[in-house]
N, C-alpha and C. Protein backbone atom coordinates (compact mmCIF):
# COMPACT_ATOMS: atom_id res chain seq x y z
N UNK A 1 8.37 -3.98 32.42
CA UNK A 1 7.35 -3.73 31.40
C UNK A 1 5.98 -4.11 31.96
N UNK A 2 5.09 -3.17 31.88
CA UNK A 2 3.77 -3.43 32.46
C UNK A 2 2.90 -4.21 31.48
N UNK A 3 2.01 -4.99 32.03
CA UNK A 3 1.13 -5.80 31.19
C UNK A 3 0.16 -4.91 30.44
N UNK A 4 -0.06 -5.24 29.19
CA UNK A 4 -0.98 -4.46 28.37
C UNK A 4 -2.41 -4.94 28.60
N UNK A 5 -3.31 -4.01 28.52
CA UNK A 5 -4.72 -4.40 28.61
C UNK A 5 -5.15 -5.01 27.28
N UNK A 6 -6.28 -5.66 27.29
CA UNK A 6 -6.78 -6.30 26.07
C UNK A 6 -7.08 -5.24 25.01
N UNK A 7 -7.55 -4.08 25.45
CA UNK A 7 -7.87 -3.01 24.49
C UNK A 7 -6.60 -2.51 23.81
N UNK A 8 -5.53 -2.33 24.58
CA UNK A 8 -4.27 -1.88 23.99
C UNK A 8 -3.74 -2.89 22.99
N UNK A 9 -3.84 -4.16 23.33
CA UNK A 9 -3.36 -5.20 22.42
C UNK A 9 -4.16 -5.18 21.12
N UNK A 10 -5.47 -5.01 21.24
CA UNK A 10 -6.32 -4.98 20.05
C UNK A 10 -5.97 -3.77 19.19
N UNK A 11 -5.74 -2.63 19.83
CA UNK A 11 -5.39 -1.43 19.07
C UNK A 11 -4.07 -1.62 18.33
N UNK A 12 -3.11 -2.28 18.98
CA UNK A 12 -1.83 -2.54 18.32
C UNK A 12 -2.04 -3.41 17.08
N UNK A 13 -2.87 -4.44 17.22
CA UNK A 13 -3.14 -5.32 16.08
C UNK A 13 -3.81 -4.54 14.95
N UNK A 14 -4.72 -3.64 15.29
CA UNK A 14 -5.39 -2.84 14.27
C UNK A 14 -4.39 -1.96 13.54
N UNK A 15 -3.50 -1.32 14.30
CA UNK A 15 -2.50 -0.44 13.69
C UNK A 15 -1.56 -1.23 12.79
N UNK A 16 -1.12 -2.39 13.26
CA UNK A 16 -0.24 -3.24 12.45
C UNK A 16 -0.96 -3.70 11.19
N UNK A 17 -2.23 -4.06 11.35
CA UNK A 17 -3.01 -4.50 10.19
C UNK A 17 -3.16 -3.40 9.16
N UNK A 18 -3.43 -2.19 9.61
CA UNK A 18 -3.57 -1.06 8.69
C UNK A 18 -2.24 -0.80 7.98
N UNK A 19 -1.14 -0.88 8.73
CA UNK A 19 0.17 -0.66 8.13
C UNK A 19 0.48 -1.72 7.07
N UNK A 20 0.15 -2.97 7.37
CA UNK A 20 0.39 -4.04 6.41
C UNK A 20 -0.46 -3.86 5.15
N UNK A 21 -1.72 -3.50 5.34
CA UNK A 21 -2.61 -3.28 4.20
C UNK A 21 -2.09 -2.12 3.34
N UNK A 22 -1.67 -1.04 4.00
CA UNK A 22 -1.15 0.11 3.26
C UNK A 22 0.10 -0.27 2.48
N UNK A 23 0.97 -1.08 3.11
CA UNK A 23 2.20 -1.52 2.45
C UNK A 23 1.89 -2.36 1.22
N UNK A 24 0.97 -3.32 1.38
CA UNK A 24 0.62 -4.21 0.27
C UNK A 24 -0.03 -3.42 -0.86
N UNK A 25 -0.95 -2.52 -0.50
CA UNK A 25 -1.62 -1.71 -1.53
C UNK A 25 -0.59 -0.85 -2.27
N UNK A 26 0.34 -0.26 -1.53
CA UNK A 26 1.38 0.55 -2.15
C UNK A 26 2.27 -0.26 -3.07
N UNK A 27 2.64 -1.45 -2.60
CA UNK A 27 3.51 -2.32 -3.40
C UNK A 27 2.81 -2.77 -4.68
N UNK A 28 1.57 -3.20 -4.55
CA UNK A 28 0.80 -3.65 -5.72
C UNK A 28 0.59 -2.48 -6.68
N UNK A 29 0.28 -1.32 -6.13
CA UNK A 29 0.09 -0.14 -6.98
C UNK A 29 1.36 0.24 -7.71
N UNK A 30 2.48 0.13 -7.03
CA UNK A 30 3.76 0.46 -7.64
C UNK A 30 4.08 -0.52 -8.77
N UNK A 31 3.89 -1.80 -8.50
CA UNK A 31 4.18 -2.81 -9.52
C UNK A 31 3.23 -2.68 -10.70
N UNK A 32 1.96 -2.44 -10.42
CA UNK A 32 0.98 -2.28 -11.49
C UNK A 32 1.30 -1.03 -12.31
N UNK A 33 1.69 0.04 -11.63
CA UNK A 33 2.05 1.26 -12.34
C UNK A 33 3.28 1.06 -13.19
N UNK A 34 4.25 0.31 -12.69
CA UNK A 34 5.49 0.07 -13.43
C UNK A 34 5.20 -0.76 -14.68
N UNK A 35 4.37 -1.78 -14.55
CA UNK A 35 4.07 -2.61 -15.72
C UNK A 35 3.18 -1.84 -16.69
N UNK A 36 2.29 -1.00 -16.16
CA UNK A 36 1.41 -0.20 -17.01
C UNK A 36 2.23 0.82 -17.81
N UNK A 37 3.30 1.33 -17.22
CA UNK A 37 4.12 2.34 -17.87
C UNK A 37 4.90 1.77 -19.05
N UNK A 38 4.99 0.45 -19.13
CA UNK A 38 5.72 -0.17 -20.23
C UNK A 38 4.91 -0.20 -21.52
N UNK A 39 3.60 0.02 -21.42
CA UNK A 39 2.77 0.01 -22.62
C UNK A 39 2.94 1.32 -23.39
N UNK A 40 2.85 1.23 -24.70
CA UNK A 40 2.96 2.43 -25.53
C UNK A 40 1.81 3.39 -25.28
N UNK A 41 0.65 2.84 -24.95
CA UNK A 41 -0.51 3.70 -24.73
C UNK A 41 -0.29 4.63 -23.55
N UNK A 42 0.52 4.18 -22.58
CA UNK A 42 0.77 5.03 -21.42
C UNK A 42 1.50 6.30 -21.83
N UNK A 43 2.44 6.17 -22.75
CA UNK A 43 3.16 7.34 -23.23
C UNK A 43 2.21 8.35 -23.86
N UNK A 44 1.21 7.85 -24.56
CA UNK A 44 0.23 8.76 -25.17
C UNK A 44 -0.65 9.42 -24.12
N UNK A 45 -1.00 8.63 -23.07
CA UNK A 45 -1.84 9.20 -22.00
C UNK A 45 -1.04 10.24 -21.22
N UNK A 46 0.24 9.92 -20.94
CA UNK A 46 1.06 10.81 -20.11
C UNK A 46 1.41 12.09 -20.87
N UNK A 47 1.70 11.97 -22.16
CA UNK A 47 2.10 13.14 -22.94
C UNK A 47 1.44 13.09 -24.31
N UNK A 48 0.18 13.43 -24.38
CA UNK A 48 -0.54 13.36 -25.67
C UNK A 48 -0.19 14.53 -26.58
N UNK A 49 0.98 14.47 -27.19
CA UNK A 49 1.40 15.56 -28.09
C UNK A 49 1.42 15.06 -29.52
C-alpha cells in the first residue's frame, strides 16, 4: 500500500465528513418527519379533503 499524500488524506476526511453530515441530516429529518406525522394537523395538510 502506497503512502497517501496530505492532499489525499484531507480529501478523504472531507468526503467522510460530508457523508456523516448527510447521514445525520437524513436521520434527524426522518425522525422529525415521523413525529410530525403523528399530529392530526399533518393529516389535514397531507389530505385536505
